[in-house]
Each structure stands twice: as structure tokens, then as C-alpha cells.
Amino acid sequence: MSAGKTRFQISFDRAYGWLSTALFMSPSESYVEIDGEEVRARMGWGFRARFPRSAVRSTALLDRQPLSRGVHGWWGRWLVNGSGQGIVVIDLSPPQRGYVTGFPVRLRQLSVSVEDPSGLMAALGGRVGRS
């Protein structure tokens, strides 16, 4: 990784980390990476997205813990998580493109569990709040 890249690992609960590894969605291949003005998010083969940092309108820490783990979405809002804690909500405008199991999806909001939520929010810039 070059000096210009900053990587934030997606956080995983222990049990879900084992399950994800068995499903070939290794925690080591699950991250949000900022490289200059480009943001890349990936959860193994299950989810990937790439968008300009300028598309980030706001970031917030999710104030509740979802029960689900994995990749879930509806109406352009996607939850990509291995844990119920440390979930950063990233609002995007204009909507961006993501891919779920290889299929294109609309991405207006990305909620992602990361090991360093405050670091990710600071690195992305934009307005910061709670969701």
C-alpha cells in the first residue's frame, strides 16, 4: 500500500468472521480505502464500490445496532457490515454505483462497520453527525 492510501478494515464479530471466511468473504479482503480523491469499499466478493470523495455529503455514526450481518440494501441504501458496532453512515450525492455479488446497484447511502469509525469519518470529511 502506498503512502497516499489509508485503509479502514471492516469490523467483524468473531462468529461472523469465521462464517465469512468459510464463504470466501475474508475479513482481510473487507475494507474502505481512501486513495487521494477516490474511495473504494469492498467486502470480499459480496460488495464493492468506488466513488469520488467529493460525492460524500455527510458522515454519521449509526446510533443503533442492527441484528443482521453481511450485505443488505434497498432503495439505494446499503448496509455492509460484519459487526453491529462502529457503523459509519456515508451519504452520497449524486448517487454512485456499487456492485453486490457482481450485479450493479444504486448507492445513495453506504453504512459500513469499521474498526476505526472516527478515523474514517475524519478522513472522508463532509458534515459529521449521528444517524
N, C-alpha and C. Protein backbone atom coordinates (compact mmCIF):
# COMPACT_ATOMS: atom_id res chain seq x y z
N MET A 1 0.86 -1.17 0.00
CA MET A 1 0.00 0.00 0.00
C MET A 1 0.90 1.23 0.00
N SER A 2 0.65 2.17 -0.89
CA SER A 2 1.46 3.38 -0.97
C SER A 2 1.10 4.33 0.15
N ALA A 3 1.98 5.34 0.35
CA ALA A 3 1.79 6.30 1.44
C ALA A 3 0.50 7.10 1.28
N GLY A 4 -0.03 7.25 0.05
CA GLY A 4 -1.23 8.04 -0.18
C GLY A 4 -2.51 7.32 0.14
N LYS A 5 -2.46 6.03 0.46
CA LYS A 5 -3.66 5.25 0.72
C LYS A 5 -3.87 5.09 2.22
N THR A 6 -5.11 5.20 2.63
CA THR A 6 -5.48 4.93 4.01
C THR A 6 -6.57 3.86 3.98
N ARG A 7 -6.35 2.78 4.71
CA ARG A 7 -7.31 1.67 4.72
C ARG A 7 -7.93 1.51 6.10
N PHE A 8 -9.25 1.36 6.10
CA PHE A 8 -10.02 1.12 7.31
C PHE A 8 -10.66 -0.25 7.17
N GLN A 9 -10.25 -1.19 8.00
CA GLN A 9 -10.78 -2.55 7.92
C GLN A 9 -12.22 -2.58 8.39
N ILE A 10 -13.04 -3.36 7.69
CA ILE A 10 -14.40 -3.61 8.14
C ILE A 10 -14.31 -4.48 9.39
N SER A 11 -15.07 -4.13 10.41
CA SER A 11 -15.03 -4.89 11.66
C SER A 11 -15.98 -6.09 11.57
N PHE A 12 -15.57 -7.17 12.21
CA PHE A 12 -16.33 -8.42 12.21
C PHE A 12 -16.47 -8.94 13.63
N ASP A 13 -17.67 -9.38 13.99
CA ASP A 13 -17.85 -10.16 15.20
C ASP A 13 -17.11 -11.48 14.99
N ARG A 14 -16.65 -12.09 16.04
CA ARG A 14 -15.85 -13.32 15.91
C ARG A 14 -16.58 -14.40 15.11
N ALA A 15 -17.81 -14.71 15.50
CA ALA A 15 -18.55 -15.79 14.82
C ALA A 15 -18.81 -15.45 13.35
N TYR A 16 -19.18 -14.20 13.07
CA TYR A 16 -19.43 -13.83 11.68
C TYR A 16 -18.14 -13.81 10.87
N GLY A 17 -17.03 -13.47 11.51
CA GLY A 17 -15.74 -13.52 10.83
C GLY A 17 -15.42 -14.93 10.35
N TRP A 18 -15.69 -15.93 11.19
CA TRP A 18 -15.47 -17.32 10.79
C TRP A 18 -16.40 -17.72 9.64
N LEU A 19 -17.67 -17.34 9.77
CA LEU A 19 -18.63 -17.67 8.73
C LEU A 19 -18.24 -17.00 7.41
N SER A 20 -17.88 -15.74 7.46
CA SER A 20 -17.48 -15.01 6.25
C SER A 20 -16.27 -15.65 5.59
N THR A 21 -15.32 -16.06 6.40
CA THR A 21 -14.13 -16.73 5.85
C THR A 21 -14.52 -18.02 5.15
N ALA A 22 -15.44 -18.78 5.74
CA ALA A 22 -15.91 -20.02 5.12
C ALA A 22 -16.64 -19.76 3.81
N LEU A 23 -17.24 -18.55 3.69
CA LEU A 23 -17.96 -18.18 2.47
C LEU A 23 -17.07 -17.40 1.49
N PHE A 24 -15.77 -17.41 1.74
CA PHE A 24 -14.78 -16.73 0.89
C PHE A 24 -14.97 -15.22 0.85
N MET A 25 -15.46 -14.64 1.96
CA MET A 25 -15.53 -13.19 2.12
C MET A 25 -14.66 -12.83 3.33
N SER A 26 -13.40 -13.09 3.19
CA SER A 26 -12.46 -12.94 4.29
C SER A 26 -12.44 -11.53 4.86
N PRO A 27 -12.38 -11.38 6.18
CA PRO A 27 -12.24 -10.05 6.77
C PRO A 27 -11.01 -9.30 6.24
N SER A 28 -9.96 -10.00 5.87
CA SER A 28 -8.77 -9.33 5.35
C SER A 28 -9.02 -8.70 3.98
N GLU A 29 -10.08 -9.12 3.30
CA GLU A 29 -10.44 -8.57 1.99
C GLU A 29 -11.67 -7.67 2.09
N SER A 30 -11.88 -7.11 3.29
CA SER A 30 -13.06 -6.29 3.54
C SER A 30 -12.61 -4.98 4.18
N TYR A 31 -12.81 -3.88 3.45
CA TYR A 31 -12.25 -2.60 3.88
C TYR A 31 -12.89 -1.43 3.16
N VAL A 32 -12.62 -0.24 3.69
CA VAL A 32 -12.86 1.02 2.99
C VAL A 32 -11.48 1.65 2.83
N GLU A 33 -11.14 2.01 1.62
CA GLU A 33 -9.81 2.55 1.33
C GLU A 33 -9.96 3.91 0.67
N ILE A 34 -9.19 4.87 1.16
CA ILE A 34 -9.18 6.20 0.57
C ILE A 34 -7.81 6.39 -0.06
N ASP A 35 -7.81 6.70 -1.34
CA ASP A 35 -6.57 6.90 -2.10
C ASP A 35 -6.71 8.23 -2.83
N GLY A 36 -6.17 9.29 -2.23
CA GLY A 36 -6.32 10.62 -2.81
C GLY A 36 -7.78 11.02 -2.79
N GLU A 37 -8.34 11.23 -3.97
CA GLU A 37 -9.75 11.65 -4.07
C GLU A 37 -10.69 10.50 -4.40
N GLU A 38 -10.21 9.26 -4.32
CA GLU A 38 -11.04 8.10 -4.62
C GLU A 38 -11.28 7.27 -3.37
N VAL A 39 -12.51 6.82 -3.21
CA VAL A 39 -12.89 5.95 -2.09
C VAL A 39 -13.30 4.60 -2.68
N ARG A 40 -12.77 3.54 -2.11
CA ARG A 40 -13.15 2.18 -2.52
C ARG A 40 -13.63 1.43 -1.29
N ALA A 41 -14.74 0.74 -1.44
CA ALA A 41 -15.28 -0.10 -0.36
C ALA A 41 -15.42 -1.51 -0.91
N ARG A 42 -15.08 -2.48 -0.07
CA ARG A 42 -15.12 -3.86 -0.52
C ARG A 42 -15.41 -4.78 0.66
N MET A 43 -16.26 -5.77 0.43
CA MET A 43 -16.47 -6.86 1.38
C MET A 43 -16.35 -8.15 0.60
N GLY A 44 -15.11 -8.59 0.45
CA GLY A 44 -14.83 -9.80 -0.32
C GLY A 44 -15.48 -9.74 -1.69
N TRP A 45 -16.10 -10.83 -2.11
CA TRP A 45 -16.78 -10.88 -3.40
C TRP A 45 -18.22 -10.37 -3.30
N GLY A 46 -18.70 -10.11 -2.07
CA GLY A 46 -20.10 -9.75 -1.86
C GLY A 46 -20.46 -8.32 -2.19
N PHE A 47 -19.49 -7.39 -2.03
CA PHE A 47 -19.80 -5.98 -2.27
C PHE A 47 -18.53 -5.24 -2.69
N ARG A 48 -18.72 -4.32 -3.63
CA ARG A 48 -17.64 -3.40 -3.98
C ARG A 48 -18.24 -2.12 -4.54
N ALA A 49 -17.54 -1.03 -4.27
CA ALA A 49 -17.96 0.28 -4.79
C ALA A 49 -16.72 1.15 -4.89
N ARG A 50 -16.77 2.08 -5.82
CA ARG A 50 -15.70 3.07 -5.99
C ARG A 50 -16.38 4.38 -6.34
N PHE A 51 -16.01 5.44 -5.61
CA PHE A 51 -16.64 6.74 -5.87
C PHE A 51 -15.67 7.84 -5.46
N PRO A 52 -15.87 9.04 -6.01
CA PRO A 52 -15.00 10.17 -5.64
C PRO A 52 -15.33 10.66 -4.23
N ARG A 53 -14.31 11.08 -3.52
CA ARG A 53 -14.51 11.61 -2.18
C ARG A 53 -15.44 12.82 -2.22
N SER A 54 -15.44 13.55 -3.33
CA SER A 54 -16.31 14.73 -3.46
C SER A 54 -17.79 14.37 -3.44
N ALA A 55 -18.15 13.09 -3.65
CA ALA A 55 -19.55 12.65 -3.60
C ALA A 55 -20.04 12.47 -2.17
N VAL A 56 -19.14 12.48 -1.18
CA VAL A 56 -19.52 12.30 0.22
C VAL A 56 -20.14 13.61 0.72
N ARG A 57 -21.42 13.56 1.06
CA ARG A 57 -22.12 14.75 1.55
C ARG A 57 -22.09 14.85 3.06
N SER A 58 -22.16 13.70 3.72
CA SER A 58 -22.11 13.70 5.18
C SER A 58 -21.74 12.32 5.67
N THR A 59 -21.24 12.28 6.89
CA THR A 59 -20.96 11.01 7.57
C THR A 59 -21.58 11.10 8.96
N ALA A 60 -21.98 9.95 9.48
CA ALA A 60 -22.56 9.90 10.82
C ALA A 60 -22.30 8.53 11.41
N LEU A 61 -22.30 8.47 12.72
CA LEU A 61 -22.19 7.20 13.42
C LEU A 61 -23.60 6.70 13.68
N LEU A 62 -23.90 5.49 13.25
CA LEU A 62 -25.22 4.91 13.46
C LEU A 62 -25.44 4.71 14.95
N ASP A 63 -26.58 5.18 15.45
CA ASP A 63 -26.82 5.14 16.89
C ASP A 63 -27.61 3.91 17.35
N ARG A 64 -27.73 2.93 16.49
CA ARG A 64 -28.37 1.67 16.88
C ARG A 64 -27.54 0.52 16.32
N GLN A 65 -27.78 -0.68 16.83
CA GLN A 65 -27.02 -1.84 16.38
C GLN A 65 -27.93 -2.79 15.60
N PRO A 66 -27.73 -2.89 14.30
CA PRO A 66 -28.57 -3.82 13.53
C PRO A 66 -28.25 -5.27 13.91
N LEU A 67 -29.24 -6.13 13.82
CA LEU A 67 -29.06 -7.54 14.12
C LEU A 67 -28.38 -8.28 12.98
N SER A 68 -28.59 -7.81 11.75
CA SER A 68 -28.09 -8.53 10.59
C SER A 68 -26.59 -8.27 10.37
N ARG A 69 -25.97 -9.18 9.65
CA ARG A 69 -24.58 -9.06 9.22
C ARG A 69 -24.53 -9.43 7.75
N GLY A 70 -23.60 -8.81 7.01
CA GLY A 70 -23.45 -9.13 5.60
C GLY A 70 -23.67 -7.92 4.73
N VAL A 71 -24.31 -8.13 3.60
CA VAL A 71 -24.59 -7.06 2.63
C VAL A 71 -26.09 -7.04 2.39
N HIS A 72 -26.73 -5.92 2.77
CA HIS A 72 -28.17 -5.79 2.64
C HIS A 72 -28.48 -4.41 2.09
N GLY A 73 -29.49 -4.31 1.24
CA GLY A 73 -29.82 -3.00 0.71
C GLY A 73 -31.22 -2.89 0.18
N TRP A 74 -31.63 -1.65 0.03
CA TRP A 74 -32.94 -1.31 -0.51
C TRP A 74 -32.92 0.15 -0.90
N TRP A 75 -33.51 0.46 -2.01
CA TRP A 75 -33.69 1.84 -2.48
C TRP A 75 -32.41 2.69 -2.42
N GLY A 76 -31.28 2.10 -2.76
CA GLY A 76 -30.03 2.87 -2.79
C GLY A 76 -29.33 2.98 -1.46
N ARG A 77 -29.89 2.39 -0.41
CA ARG A 77 -29.27 2.42 0.92
C ARG A 77 -28.74 1.02 1.23
N TRP A 78 -27.42 0.91 1.43
CA TRP A 78 -26.78 -0.39 1.61
C TRP A 78 -26.06 -0.47 2.94
N LEU A 79 -26.27 -1.58 3.63
CA LEU A 79 -25.58 -1.89 4.87
C LEU A 79 -24.57 -2.98 4.57
N VAL A 80 -23.30 -2.70 4.84
CA VAL A 80 -22.20 -3.64 4.60
C VAL A 80 -21.50 -3.79 5.95
N ASN A 81 -21.76 -4.89 6.65
CA ASN A 81 -21.23 -4.99 8.00
C ASN A 81 -20.90 -6.42 8.40
N GLY A 82 -19.88 -6.52 9.22
CA GLY A 82 -19.52 -7.77 9.85
C GLY A 82 -19.76 -7.70 11.34
N SER A 83 -20.19 -6.53 11.81
CA SER A 83 -20.44 -6.28 13.23
C SER A 83 -21.62 -5.32 13.36
N GLY A 84 -22.21 -5.31 14.53
CA GLY A 84 -23.30 -4.36 14.79
C GLY A 84 -22.82 -3.06 15.39
N GLN A 85 -21.51 -2.94 15.61
CA GLN A 85 -20.95 -1.75 16.25
C GLN A 85 -20.05 -0.99 15.27
N GLY A 86 -19.86 0.30 15.57
CA GLY A 86 -18.93 1.11 14.78
C GLY A 86 -19.37 1.32 13.35
N ILE A 87 -20.67 1.49 13.14
CA ILE A 87 -21.18 1.62 11.77
C ILE A 87 -21.22 3.10 11.38
N VAL A 88 -20.51 3.40 10.30
CA VAL A 88 -20.48 4.76 9.76
C VAL A 88 -21.46 4.83 8.60
N VAL A 89 -22.33 5.83 8.64
CA VAL A 89 -23.30 6.08 7.57
C VAL A 89 -22.71 7.16 6.67
N ILE A 90 -22.56 6.85 5.39
CA ILE A 90 -21.98 7.78 4.42
C ILE A 90 -23.07 8.13 3.41
N ASP A 91 -23.50 9.39 3.42
CA ASP A 91 -24.48 9.86 2.44
C ASP A 91 -23.75 10.37 1.21
N LEU A 92 -24.24 9.95 0.03
CA LEU A 92 -23.59 10.27 -1.23
C LEU A 92 -24.52 11.06 -2.15
N SER A 93 -23.96 12.05 -2.82
CA SER A 93 -24.71 12.80 -3.82
C SER A 93 -23.71 13.35 -4.84
N PRO A 94 -23.94 13.08 -6.10
CA PRO A 94 -25.03 12.30 -6.68
C PRO A 94 -24.87 10.82 -6.33
N PRO A 95 -25.94 10.03 -6.54
CA PRO A 95 -25.84 8.59 -6.29
C PRO A 95 -24.70 7.98 -7.09
N GLN A 96 -24.09 6.95 -6.51
CA GLN A 96 -22.96 6.28 -7.13
C GLN A 96 -23.35 4.85 -7.48
N ARG A 97 -22.44 4.13 -8.10
CA ARG A 97 -22.69 2.74 -8.46
C ARG A 97 -21.88 1.84 -7.54
N GLY A 98 -22.54 0.79 -7.07
CA GLY A 98 -21.88 -0.26 -6.32
C GLY A 98 -22.21 -1.58 -6.99
N TYR A 99 -21.60 -2.65 -6.51
CA TYR A 99 -21.85 -3.97 -7.06
C TYR A 99 -22.05 -4.95 -5.91
N VAL A 100 -23.15 -5.69 -5.95
CA VAL A 100 -23.46 -6.71 -4.97
C VAL A 100 -23.43 -8.04 -5.69
N THR A 101 -22.55 -8.91 -5.27
CA THR A 101 -22.29 -10.20 -5.94
C THR A 101 -22.15 -10.02 -7.46
N GLY A 102 -21.54 -8.92 -7.86
CA GLY A 102 -21.29 -8.65 -9.27
C GLY A 102 -22.39 -7.89 -9.98
N PHE A 103 -23.55 -7.73 -9.38
CA PHE A 103 -24.66 -7.03 -10.02
C PHE A 103 -24.64 -5.54 -9.63
N PRO A 104 -24.86 -4.64 -10.60
CA PRO A 104 -24.81 -3.21 -10.28
C PRO A 104 -26.00 -2.78 -9.45
N VAL A 105 -25.73 -1.88 -8.49
CA VAL A 105 -26.77 -1.32 -7.64
C VAL A 105 -26.55 0.18 -7.51
N ARG A 106 -27.61 0.88 -7.20
CA ARG A 106 -27.54 2.32 -6.95
C ARG A 106 -27.11 2.53 -5.50
N LEU A 107 -26.26 3.50 -5.27
CA LEU A 107 -25.71 3.72 -3.94
C LEU A 107 -25.88 5.18 -3.55
N ARG A 108 -26.92 5.45 -2.74
CA ARG A 108 -27.16 6.80 -2.20
C ARG A 108 -26.59 6.92 -0.79
N GLN A 109 -26.57 5.78 -0.10
CA GLN A 109 -26.08 5.76 1.27
C GLN A 109 -25.39 4.42 1.52
N LEU A 110 -24.20 4.49 2.08
CA LEU A 110 -23.44 3.30 2.44
C LEU A 110 -23.22 3.33 3.95
N SER A 111 -23.71 2.31 4.63
CA SER A 111 -23.47 2.14 6.06
C SER A 111 -22.52 0.96 6.21
N VAL A 112 -21.39 1.20 6.87
CA VAL A 112 -20.34 0.18 6.92
C VAL A 112 -19.74 0.13 8.32
N SER A 113 -19.57 -1.09 8.85
CA SER A 113 -18.94 -1.27 10.16
C SER A 113 -17.42 -1.26 9.97
N VAL A 114 -16.74 -0.40 10.69
CA VAL A 114 -15.28 -0.32 10.58
C VAL A 114 -14.64 -0.33 11.96
N GLU A 115 -13.39 -0.75 12.01
CA GLU A 115 -12.66 -0.81 13.27
C GLU A 115 -12.35 0.57 13.84
N ASP A 116 -12.24 1.59 12.97
CA ASP A 116 -11.92 2.95 13.41
C ASP A 116 -12.94 3.93 12.80
N PRO A 117 -14.18 3.96 13.36
CA PRO A 117 -15.22 4.82 12.77
C PRO A 117 -14.87 6.30 12.78
N SER A 118 -14.32 6.82 13.86
CA SER A 118 -14.00 8.25 13.90
C SER A 118 -12.89 8.58 12.91
N GLY A 119 -11.93 7.68 12.73
CA GLY A 119 -10.87 7.90 11.74
C GLY A 119 -11.41 7.94 10.33
N LEU A 120 -12.36 7.03 10.01
CA LEU A 120 -12.95 7.03 8.67
C LEU A 120 -13.74 8.31 8.43
N MET A 121 -14.54 8.72 9.42
CA MET A 121 -15.34 9.94 9.24
C MET A 121 -14.43 11.15 9.04
N ALA A 122 -13.35 11.24 9.79
CA ALA A 122 -12.42 12.37 9.64
C ALA A 122 -11.74 12.33 8.27
N ALA A 123 -11.37 11.14 7.81
CA ALA A 123 -10.69 11.01 6.52
C ALA A 123 -11.60 11.35 5.34
N LEU A 124 -12.90 11.06 5.50
CA LEU A 124 -13.84 11.35 4.41
C LEU A 124 -14.24 12.82 4.35
N GLY A 125 -14.13 13.51 5.48
CA GLY A 125 -14.58 14.91 5.50
C GLY A 125 -16.09 14.97 5.43
N GLY A 126 -16.63 16.04 4.89
CA GLY A 126 -18.08 16.20 4.85
C GLY A 126 -18.61 16.56 6.21
N ARG A 127 -19.89 16.77 6.32
CA ARG A 127 -20.53 17.08 7.60
C ARG A 127 -20.58 15.80 8.42
N VAL A 128 -20.31 15.92 9.72
CA VAL A 128 -20.29 14.77 10.61
C VAL A 128 -21.42 14.90 11.62
N GLY A 129 -22.13 13.80 11.87
CA GLY A 129 -23.20 13.82 12.85
C GLY A 129 -23.53 12.43 13.33
N ARG A 130 -24.73 12.27 13.89
CA ARG A 130 -25.22 10.98 14.34
C ARG A 130 -26.48 10.64 13.55
N SER A 131 -26.64 9.36 13.26
CA SER A 131 -27.80 8.94 12.49
C SER A 131 -28.64 7.99 13.33
